């Protein structure tokens, strides 16, 4: 099952910094027609890390938007991330989970 229906947000510092801190969950970064990366953790922090170049593959893909799901429990977050990676096959995910 893909990400819950939502309005994608632009992959830029302003939109990411507007997020509340300490919201854990899964997130997906994409550009039109291509999923670039799916990850998990503190959504705001991880997106800022990616925007700052922690994974060069992501910035090379020139992503434009992101979506996220807040998940309070660690176990379902791992399962949900794995499910999304297998379904969406993002270009910059080297491994599942």
PDB file of N, CA and C in Angstrom:
ATOM      1  N   UNK A   1       0.835  -1.178   0.000  1.00  0.00           N
ATOM      2  CA  UNK A   1       0.000   0.000   0.000  1.00  0.00           C
ATOM      3  C   UNK A   1       0.881   1.242   0.000  1.00  0.00           C
ATOM      4  N   UNK A   2       0.677   2.161  -0.946  1.00  0.00           N
ATOM      5  CA  UNK A   2       1.509   3.366  -1.000  1.00  0.00           C
ATOM      6  C   UNK A   2       1.228   4.294   0.179  1.00  0.00           C
ATOM      7  N   UNK A   3       1.931   5.419   0.204  1.00  0.00           N
ATOM      8  CA  UNK A   3       1.712   6.408   1.260  1.00  0.00           C
ATOM      9  C   UNK A   3       0.247   6.838   1.272  1.00  0.00           C
ATOM     10  N   UNK A   4      -0.245   7.154   2.454  1.00  0.00           N
ATOM     11  CA  UNK A   4      -1.607   7.665   2.591  1.00  0.00           C
ATOM     12  C   UNK A   4      -1.759   8.912   1.720  1.00  0.00           C
ATOM     13  N   UNK A   5      -2.947   9.113   1.174  1.00  0.00           N
ATOM     14  CA  UNK A   5      -3.194  10.268   0.318  1.00  0.00           C
ATOM     15  C   UNK A   5      -2.946  11.552   1.104  1.00  0.00           C
ATOM     16  N   UNK A   6      -2.150  12.421   0.503  1.00  0.00           N
ATOM     17  CA  UNK A   6      -1.815  13.692   1.130  1.00  0.00           C
ATOM     18  C   UNK A   6      -1.269  14.628   0.072  1.00  0.00           C
ATOM     19  N   UNK A   7      -1.179  15.889   0.393  1.00  0.00           N
ATOM     20  CA  UNK A   7      -0.587  16.849  -0.530  1.00  0.00           C
ATOM     21  C   UNK A   7       0.924  16.820  -0.346  1.00  0.00           C
ATOM     22  N   UNK A   8       1.661  16.482  -1.403  1.00  0.00           N
ATOM     23  CA  UNK A   8       3.122  16.477  -1.290  1.00  0.00           C
ATOM     24  C   UNK A   8       3.644  17.878  -0.973  1.00  0.00           C
ATOM     25  N   UNK A   9       4.727  17.912  -0.237  1.00  0.00           N
ATOM     26  CA  UNK A   9       5.373  19.185   0.106  1.00  0.00           C
ATOM     27  C   UNK A   9       6.670  19.308  -0.677  1.00  0.00           C
ATOM     28  N   UNK A  10       6.998  20.531  -1.060  1.00  0.00           N
ATOM     29  CA  UNK A  10       8.242  20.770  -1.794  1.00  0.00           C
ATOM     30  C   UNK A  10       9.442  20.368  -0.933  1.00  0.00           C
ATOM     31  N   UNK A  11      10.420  19.762  -1.566  1.00  0.00           N
ATOM     32  CA  UNK A  11      11.636  19.330  -0.882  1.00  0.00           C
ATOM     33  C   UNK A  11      12.571  20.530  -0.772  1.00  0.00           C
ATOM     34  N   UNK A  12      12.281  21.377   0.219  1.00  0.00           N
ATOM     35  CA  UNK A  12      13.128  22.550   0.461  1.00  0.00           C
ATOM     36  C   UNK A  12      13.204  22.809   1.968  1.00  0.00           C
ATOM     37  N   UNK A  13      14.178  23.598   2.346  1.00  0.00           N
ATOM     38  CA  UNK A  13      14.449  23.853   3.767  1.00  0.00           C
ATOM     39  C   UNK A  13      13.234  24.442   4.489  1.00  0.00           C
ATOM     40  N   UNK A  14      12.554  25.381   3.875  1.00  0.00           N
ATOM     41  CA  UNK A  14      11.416  26.042   4.524  1.00  0.00           C
ATOM     42  C   UNK A  14      10.333  25.031   4.898  1.00  0.00           C
ATOM     43  N   UNK A  15       9.963  24.160   3.991  1.00  0.00           N
ATOM     44  CA  UNK A  15       8.917  23.176   4.279  1.00  0.00           C
ATOM     45  C   UNK A  15       9.361  22.146   5.310  1.00  0.00           C
ATOM     46  N   UNK A  16      10.607  21.766   5.262  1.00  0.00           N
ATOM     47  CA  UNK A  16      11.100  20.772   6.217  1.00  0.00           C
ATOM     48  C   UNK A  16      11.232  21.372   7.614  1.00  0.00           C
ATOM     49  N   UNK A  17      11.778  22.569   7.715  1.00  0.00           N
ATOM     50  CA  UNK A  17      11.945  23.197   9.025  1.00  0.00           C
ATOM     51  C   UNK A  17      10.606  23.558   9.665  1.00  0.00           C
ATOM     52  N   UNK A  18       9.533  23.614   8.888  1.00  0.00           N
ATOM     53  CA  UNK A  18       8.207  23.907   9.435  1.00  0.00           C
ATOM     54  C   UNK A  18       7.620  22.711  10.196  1.00  0.00           C
ATOM     55  N   UNK A  19       8.209  21.538  10.024  1.00  0.00           N
ATOM     56  CA  UNK A  19       7.729  20.348  10.721  1.00  0.00           C
ATOM     57  C   UNK A  19       8.018  20.432  12.215  1.00  0.00           C
ATOM     58  N   UNK A  20       7.165  19.805  13.008  1.00  0.00           N
ATOM     59  CA  UNK A  20       7.438  19.663  14.432  1.00  0.00           C
ATOM     60  C   UNK A  20       8.628  18.728  14.627  1.00  0.00           C
ATOM     61  N   UNK A  21       9.401  18.976  15.655  1.00  0.00           N
ATOM     62  CA  UNK A  21      10.521  18.089  15.964  1.00  0.00           C
ATOM     63  C   UNK A  21       9.995  16.825  16.639  1.00  0.00           C
ATOM     64  N   UNK A  22      10.822  15.808  16.641  1.00  0.00           N
ATOM     65  CA  UNK A  22      10.533  14.542  17.325  1.00  0.00           C
ATOM     66  C   UNK A  22       9.272  13.835  16.838  1.00  0.00           C
ATOM     67  N   UNK A  23       9.003  13.917  15.551  1.00  0.00           N
ATOM     68  CA  UNK A  23       7.923  13.128  14.947  1.00  0.00           C
ATOM     69  C   UNK A  23       8.571  11.978  14.198  1.00  0.00           C
ATOM     70  N   UNK A  24       8.390  10.787  14.702  1.00  0.00           N
ATOM     71  CA  UNK A  24       8.988   9.619  14.055  1.00  0.00           C
ATOM     72  C   UNK A  24       8.003   9.013  13.075  1.00  0.00           C
ATOM     73  N   UNK A  25       8.557   8.435  12.023  1.00  0.00           N
ATOM     74  CA  UNK A  25       7.724   7.784  11.033  1.00  0.00           C
ATOM     75  C   UNK A  25       8.516   7.417   9.798  1.00  0.00           C
ATOM     76  N   UNK A  26       7.796   7.236   8.711  1.00  0.00           N
ATOM     77  CA  UNK A  26       8.414   6.935   7.427  1.00  0.00           C
ATOM     78  C   UNK A  26       8.167   8.103   6.484  1.00  0.00           C
ATOM     79  N   UNK A  27       9.039   8.268   5.513  1.00  0.00           N
ATOM     80  CA  UNK A  27       8.922   9.369   4.560  1.00  0.00           C
ATOM     81  C   UNK A  27       9.407   8.905   3.193  1.00  0.00           C
ATOM     82  N   UNK A  28       8.928   9.562   2.175  1.00  0.00           N
ATOM     83  CA  UNK A  28       9.359   9.279   0.819  1.00  0.00           C
ATOM     84  C   UNK A  28       9.708  10.572   0.108  1.00  0.00           C
ATOM     85  N   UNK A  29      10.810  10.547  -0.605  1.00  0.00           N
ATOM     86  CA  UNK A  29      11.281  11.700  -1.369  1.00  0.00           C
ATOM     87  C   UNK A  29      11.154  11.311  -2.844  1.00  0.00           C
ATOM     88  N   UNK A  30      10.641  12.227  -3.660  1.00  0.00           N
ATOM     89  CA  UNK A  30      10.407  11.864  -5.058  1.00  0.00           C
ATOM     90  C   UNK A  30      10.470  13.068  -5.984  1.00  0.00           C
ATOM     91  N   UNK A  31      10.465  12.772  -7.260  1.00  0.00           N
ATOM     92  CA  UNK A  31      10.254  13.764  -8.310  1.00  0.00           C
ATOM     93  C   UNK A  31       9.222  13.150  -9.244  1.00  0.00           C
ATOM     94  N   UNK A  32       8.716  13.906 -10.170  1.00  0.00           N
ATOM     95  CA  UNK A  32       7.622  13.425 -11.010  1.00  0.00           C
ATOM     96  C   UNK A  32       7.920  12.047 -11.597  1.00  0.00           C
ATOM     97  N   UNK A  33       7.091  11.089 -11.222  1.00  0.00           N
ATOM     98  CA  UNK A  33       7.202   9.753 -11.784  1.00  0.00           C
ATOM     99  C   UNK A  33       8.283   8.865 -11.215  1.00  0.00           C
ATOM    100  N   UNK A  34       9.105   9.370 -10.283  1.00  0.00           N
ATOM    101  CA  UNK A  34      10.230   8.585  -9.751  1.00  0.00           C
ATOM    102  C   UNK A  34      10.325   8.743  -8.240  1.00  0.00           C
ATOM    103  N   UNK A  35      10.259   7.629  -7.529  1.00  0.00           N
ATOM    104  CA  UNK A  35      10.550   7.643  -6.099  1.00  0.00           C
ATOM    105  C   UNK A  35      12.060   7.626  -5.946  1.00  0.00           C
ATOM    106  N   UNK A  36      12.579   8.563  -5.188  1.00  0.00           N
ATOM    107  CA  UNK A  36      14.027   8.704  -5.015  1.00  0.00           C
ATOM    108  C   UNK A  36      14.507   7.958  -3.776  1.00  0.00           C
ATOM    109  N   UNK A  37      13.811   8.104  -2.648  1.00  0.00           N
ATOM    110  CA  UNK A  37      14.274   7.496  -1.410  1.00  0.00           C
ATOM    111  C   UNK A  37      13.109   7.327  -0.443  1.00  0.00           C
ATOM    112  N   UNK A  38      13.122   6.225   0.288  1.00  0.00           N
ATOM    113  CA  UNK A  38      12.175   5.984   1.371  1.00  0.00           C
ATOM    114  C   UNK A  38      12.996   5.712   2.622  1.00  0.00           C
ATOM    115  N   UNK A  39      12.658   6.383   3.715  1.00  0.00           N
ATOM    116  CA  UNK A  39      13.405   6.188   4.953  1.00  0.00           C
ATOM    117  C   UNK A  39      12.497   6.265   6.169  1.00  0.00           C
ATOM    118  N   UNK A  40      13.137   6.153   7.330  1.00  0.00           N
ATOM    119  CA  UNK A  40      12.398   6.189   8.590  1.00  0.00           C
ATOM    120  C   UNK A  40      13.221   6.932   9.629  1.00  0.00           C
ATOM    121  N   UNK A  41      12.558   7.327  10.702  1.00  0.00           N
ATOM    122  CA  UNK A  41      13.244   8.005  11.805  1.00  0.00           C
ATOM    123  C   UNK A  41      12.530   9.294  12.147  1.00  0.00           C
ATOM    124  N   UNK A  42      13.271  10.220  12.752  1.00  0.00           N
ATOM    125  CA  UNK A  42      12.761  11.558  13.047  1.00  0.00           C
ATOM    126  C   UNK A  42      12.604  12.250  11.693  1.00  0.00           C
ATOM    127  N   UNK A  43      11.375  12.424  11.251  1.00  0.00           N
ATOM    128  CA  UNK A  43      11.111  12.877   9.881  1.00  0.00           C
ATOM    129  C   UNK A  43      11.808  14.196   9.580  1.00  0.00           C
ATOM    130  N   UNK A  44      11.661  15.169  10.444  1.00  0.00           N
ATOM    131  CA  UNK A  44      12.274  16.490  10.213  1.00  0.00           C
ATOM    132  C   UNK A  44      13.795  16.378  10.117  1.00  0.00           C
ATOM    133  N   UNK A  45      14.400  15.691  11.066  1.00  0.00           N
ATOM    134  CA  UNK A  45      15.856  15.577  11.093  1.00  0.00           C
ATOM    135  C   UNK A  45      16.393  14.821   9.883  1.00  0.00           C
ATOM    136  N   UNK A  46      15.751  13.715   9.550  1.00  0.00           N
ATOM    137  CA  UNK A  46      16.227  12.912   8.422  1.00  0.00           C
ATOM    138  C   UNK A  46      16.099  13.672   7.099  1.00  0.00           C
ATOM    139  N   UNK A  47      14.972  14.386   6.904  1.00  0.00           N
ATOM    140  CA  UNK A  47      14.822  15.165   5.670  1.00  0.00           C
ATOM    141  C   UNK A  47      15.867  16.275   5.594  1.00  0.00           C
ATOM    142  N   UNK A  48      16.155  16.933   6.723  1.00  0.00           N
ATOM    143  CA  UNK A  48      17.208  17.955   6.729  1.00  0.00           C
ATOM    144  C   UNK A  48      18.565  17.329   6.416  1.00  0.00           C
ATOM    145  N   UNK A  49      18.829  16.155   6.981  1.00  0.00           N
ATOM    146  CA  UNK A  49      20.089  15.465   6.676  1.00  0.00           C
ATOM    147  C   UNK A  49      20.214  15.215   5.174  1.00  0.00           C
ATOM    148  N   UNK A  50      19.139  14.742   4.568  1.00  0.00           N
ATOM    149  CA  UNK A  50      19.171  14.461   3.128  1.00  0.00           C
ATOM    150  C   UNK A  50      19.319  15.747   2.321  1.00  0.00           C
ATOM    151  N   UNK A  51      18.623  16.794   2.717  1.00  0.00           N
ATOM    152  CA  UNK A  51      18.737  18.084   2.027  1.00  0.00           C
ATOM    153  C   UNK A  51      20.171  18.608   2.107  1.00  0.00           C
ATOM    154  N   UNK A  52      20.849  18.306   3.214  1.00  0.00           N
ATOM    155  CA  UNK A  52      22.239  18.746   3.407  1.00  0.00           C
ATOM    156  C   UNK A  52      23.258  17.812   2.766  1.00  0.00           C
ATOM    157  N   UNK A  53      22.796  16.781   2.061  1.00  0.00           N
ATOM    158  CA  UNK A  53      23.702  15.950   1.278  1.00  0.00           C
ATOM    159  C   UNK A  53      24.259  14.722   1.948  1.00  0.00           C
ATOM    160  N   UNK A  54      23.616  14.198   2.989  1.00  0.00           N
ATOM    161  CA  UNK A  54      24.166  13.015   3.653  1.00  0.00           C
ATOM    162  C   UNK A  54      24.161  11.782   2.747  1.00  0.00           C
ATOM    163  N   UNK A  55      23.300  11.755   1.762  1.00  0.00           N
ATOM    164  CA  UNK A  55      23.252  10.667   0.785  1.00  0.00           C
ATOM    165  C   UNK A  55      23.329  11.314  -0.598  1.00  0.00           C
ATOM    166  N   UNK A  56      24.518  11.344  -1.213  1.00  0.00           N
ATOM    167  CA  UNK A  56      24.694  12.040  -2.496  1.00  0.00           C
ATOM    168  C   UNK A  56      23.741  11.567  -3.590  1.00  0.00           C
ATOM    169  N   UNK A  57      23.340  10.317  -3.546  1.00  0.00           N
ATOM    170  CA  UNK A  57      22.418   9.791  -4.557  1.00  0.00           C
ATOM    171  C   UNK A  57      21.116  10.589  -4.572  1.00  0.00           C
ATOM    172  N   UNK A  58      20.631  10.958  -3.405  1.00  0.00           N
ATOM    173  CA  UNK A  58      19.358  11.677  -3.330  1.00  0.00           C
ATOM    174  C   UNK A  58      19.445  13.009  -4.061  1.00  0.00           C
ATOM    175  N   UNK A  59      20.462  13.796  -3.770  1.00  0.00           N
ATOM    176  CA  UNK A  59      20.573  15.114  -4.412  1.00  0.00           C
ATOM    177  C   UNK A  59      20.867  15.006  -5.903  1.00  0.00           C
ATOM    178  N   UNK A  60      21.580  13.965  -6.329  1.00  0.00           N
ATOM    179  CA  UNK A  60      21.828  13.758  -7.764  1.00  0.00           C
ATOM    180  C   UNK A  60      20.533  13.537  -8.538  1.00  0.00           C
ATOM    181  N   UNK A  61      19.542  12.977  -7.875  1.00  0.00           N
ATOM    182  CA  UNK A  61      18.257  12.712  -8.529  1.00  0.00           C
ATOM    183  C   UNK A  61      17.393  13.979  -8.651  1.00  0.00           C
ATOM    184  N   UNK A  62      17.797  15.048  -7.987  1.00  0.00           N
ATOM    185  CA  UNK A  62      17.083  16.329  -7.978  1.00  0.00           C
ATOM    186  C   UNK A  62      15.603  16.142  -7.589  1.00  0.00           C
ATOM    187  N   UNK A  63      15.374  15.660  -6.363  1.00  0.00           N
ATOM    188  CA  UNK A  63      13.990  15.461  -5.922  1.00  0.00           C
ATOM    189  C   UNK A  63      13.261  16.788  -5.767  1.00  0.00           C
ATOM    190  N   UNK A  64      11.958  16.736  -5.922  1.00  0.00           N
ATOM    191  CA  UNK A  64      11.158  17.957  -5.841  1.00  0.00           C
ATOM    192  C   UNK A  64      10.191  17.969  -4.658  1.00  0.00           C
ATOM    193  N   UNK A  65       9.775  16.779  -4.188  1.00  0.00           N
ATOM    194  CA  UNK A  65       8.742  16.715  -3.152  1.00  0.00           C
ATOM    195  C   UNK A  65       8.987  15.574  -2.168  1.00  0.00           C
ATOM    196  N   UNK A  66       8.233  15.611  -1.077  1.00  0.00           N
ATOM    197  CA  UNK A  66       8.270  14.535  -0.088  1.00  0.00           C
ATOM    198  C   UNK A  66       6.896  14.379   0.551  1.00  0.00           C
ATOM    199  N   UNK A  67       6.675  13.191   1.083  1.00  0.00           N
ATOM    200  CA  UNK A  67       5.473  12.870   1.860  1.00  0.00           C
ATOM    201  C   UNK A  67       5.927  12.074   3.080  1.00  0.00           C
ATOM    202  N   UNK A  68       5.079  11.994   4.097  1.00  0.00           N
ATOM    203  CA  UNK A  68       5.468  11.274   5.314  1.00  0.00           C
ATOM    204  C   UNK A  68       4.249  10.722   6.033  1.00  0.00           C
ATOM    205  N   UNK A  69       4.504   9.717   6.856  1.00  0.00           N
ATOM    206  CA  UNK A  69       3.499   9.152   7.753  1.00  0.00           C
ATOM    207  C   UNK A  69       4.117   9.096   9.144  1.00  0.00           C
ATOM    208  N   UNK A  70       3.467   9.721  10.109  1.00  0.00           N
ATOM    209  CA  UNK A  70       3.938   9.660  11.492  1.00  0.00           C
ATOM    210  C   UNK A  70       3.517   8.312  12.066  1.00  0.00           C
ATOM    211  N   UNK A  71       4.484   7.612  12.653  1.00  0.00           N
ATOM    212  CA  UNK A  71       4.240   6.291  13.244  1.00  0.00           C
ATOM    213  C   UNK A  71       4.896   6.282  14.623  1.00  0.00           C
ATOM    214  N   UNK A  72       4.117   6.169  15.685  1.00  0.00           N
ATOM    215  CA  UNK A  72       4.665   6.289  17.031  1.00  0.00           C
ATOM    216  C   UNK A  72       5.441   5.076  17.530  1.00  0.00           C
ATOM    217  N   UNK A  73       5.249   3.905  16.952  1.00  0.00           N
ATOM    218  CA  UNK A  73       5.867   2.690  17.473  1.00  0.00           C
ATOM    219  C   UNK A  73       6.983   2.205  16.552  1.00  0.00           C
ATOM    220  N   UNK A  74       8.145   1.863  17.102  1.00  0.00           N
ATOM    221  CA  UNK A  74       9.325   1.465  16.331  1.00  0.00           C
ATOM    222  C   UNK A  74       9.078   0.259  15.427  1.00  0.00           C
ATOM    223  N   UNK A  75       8.440  -0.798  15.922  1.00  0.00           N
ATOM    224  CA  UNK A  75       8.270  -2.017  15.138  1.00  0.00           C
ATOM    225  C   UNK A  75       7.462  -1.784  13.866  1.00  0.00           C
ATOM    226  N   UNK A  76       6.262  -1.172  13.943  1.00  0.00           N
ATOM    227  CA  UNK A  76       5.529  -0.931  12.709  1.00  0.00           C
ATOM    228  C   UNK A  76       6.287  -0.016  11.739  1.00  0.00           C
ATOM    229  N   UNK A  77       7.108   0.907  12.276  1.00  0.00           N
ATOM    230  CA  UNK A  77       7.863   1.803  11.411  1.00  0.00           C
ATOM    231  C   UNK A  77       8.827   0.997  10.542  1.00  0.00           C
ATOM    232  N   UNK A  78       9.528   0.026  11.131  1.00  0.00           N
ATOM    233  CA  UNK A  78      10.436  -0.817  10.357  1.00  0.00           C
ATOM    234  C   UNK A  78       9.680  -1.592   9.297  1.00  0.00           C
ATOM    235  N   UNK A  79       8.539  -2.148   9.676  1.00  0.00           N
ATOM    236  CA  UNK A  79       7.735  -2.922   8.733  1.00  0.00           C
ATOM    237  C   UNK A  79       7.204  -2.034   7.612  1.00  0.00           C
ATOM    238  N   UNK A  80       6.728  -0.850   7.972  1.00  0.00           N
ATOM    239  CA  UNK A  80       6.168   0.061   6.972  1.00  0.00           C
ATOM    240  C   UNK A  80       7.240   0.534   6.006  1.00  0.00           C
ATOM    241  N   UNK A  81       8.425   0.844   6.503  1.00  0.00           N
ATOM    242  CA  UNK A  81       9.518   1.263   5.622  1.00  0.00           C
ATOM    243  C   UNK A  81       9.819   0.151   4.625  1.00  0.00           C
ATOM    244  N   UNK A  82       9.959  -1.060   5.092  1.00  0.00           N
ATOM    245  CA  UNK A  82      10.269  -2.206   4.228  1.00  0.00           C
ATOM    246  C   UNK A  82       9.189  -2.378   3.160  1.00  0.00           C
ATOM    247  N   UNK A  83       7.939  -2.293   3.579  1.00  0.00           N
ATOM    248  CA  UNK A  83       6.809  -2.429   2.656  1.00  0.00           C
ATOM    249  C   UNK A  83       6.868  -1.373   1.547  1.00  0.00           C
ATOM    250  N   UNK A  84       7.132  -0.121   1.911  1.00  0.00           N
ATOM    251  CA  UNK A  84       7.192   0.962   0.933  1.00  0.00           C
ATOM    252  C   UNK A  84       8.379   0.806  -0.018  1.00  0.00           C
ATOM    253  N   UNK A  85       9.525   0.399   0.495  1.00  0.00           N
ATOM    254  CA  UNK A  85      10.700   0.210  -0.360  1.00  0.00           C
ATOM    255  C   UNK A  85      10.424  -0.884  -1.387  1.00  0.00           C
ATOM    256  N   UNK A  86       9.847  -1.983  -0.935  1.00  0.00           N
ATOM    257  CA  UNK A  86       9.558  -3.086  -1.863  1.00  0.00           C
ATOM    258  C   UNK A  86       8.525  -2.674  -2.914  1.00  0.00           C
ATOM    259  N   UNK A  87       7.544  -1.895  -2.514  1.00  0.00           N
ATOM    260  CA  UNK A  87       6.492  -1.490  -3.445  1.00  0.00           C
ATOM    261  C   UNK A  87       6.942  -0.393  -4.410  1.00  0.00           C
ATOM    262  N   UNK A  88       7.649   0.612  -3.904  1.00  0.00           N
ATOM    263  CA  UNK A  88       7.981   1.791  -4.692  1.00  0.00           C
ATOM    264  C   UNK A  88       9.324   1.703  -5.407  1.00  0.00           C
ATOM    265  N   UNK A  89      10.211   0.825  -4.946  1.00  0.00           N
ATOM    266  CA  UNK A  89      11.531   0.633  -5.555  1.00  0.00           C
ATOM    267  C   UNK A  89      12.271   1.960  -5.786  1.00  0.00           C
ATOM    268  N   UNK A  90      12.508   2.727  -4.721  1.00  0.00           N
ATOM    269  CA  UNK A  90      13.157   4.034  -4.871  1.00  0.00           C
ATOM    270  C   UNK A  90      14.591   3.890  -5.381  1.00  0.00           C
ATOM    271  N   UNK A  91      14.982   4.850  -6.205  1.00  0.00           N
ATOM    272  CA  UNK A  91      16.279   4.809  -6.893  1.00  0.00           C
ATOM    273  C   UNK A  91      17.488   4.794  -5.957  1.00  0.00           C
ATOM    274  N   UNK A  92      17.381   5.408  -4.775  1.00  0.00           N
ATOM    275  CA  UNK A  92      18.549   5.546  -3.903  1.00  0.00           C
ATOM    276  C   UNK A  92      18.540   4.660  -2.676  1.00  0.00           C
ATOM    277  N   UNK A  93      17.616   3.741  -2.577  1.00  0.00           N
ATOM    278  CA  UNK A  93      17.642   2.785  -1.473  1.00  0.00           C
ATOM    279  C   UNK A  93      18.490   1.589  -1.891  1.00  0.00           C
ATOM    280  N   UNK A  94      19.602   1.390  -1.197  1.00  0.00           N
ATOM    281  CA  UNK A  94      20.514   0.289  -1.502  1.00  0.00           C
ATOM    282  C   UNK A  94      20.037  -1.027  -0.923  1.00  0.00           C
ATOM    283  N   UNK A  95      19.291  -0.950   0.187  1.00  0.00           N
ATOM    284  CA  UNK A  95      18.852  -2.168   0.864  1.00  0.00           C
ATOM    285  C   UNK A  95      17.482  -1.933   1.479  1.00  0.00           C
ATOM    286  N   UNK A  96      16.842  -2.995   1.831  1.00  0.00           N
ATOM    287  CA  UNK A  96      15.530  -2.909   2.476  1.00  0.00           C
ATOM    288  C   UNK A  96      15.707  -2.957   3.974  1.00  0.00           C
ATOM    289  N   UNK A  97      15.039  -2.022   4.693  1.00  0.00           N
ATOM    290  CA  UNK A  97      15.066  -2.024   6.160  1.00  0.00           C
ATOM    291  C   UNK A  97      16.237  -1.426   6.687  1.00  0.00           C
TER     292      UNK A  97
END
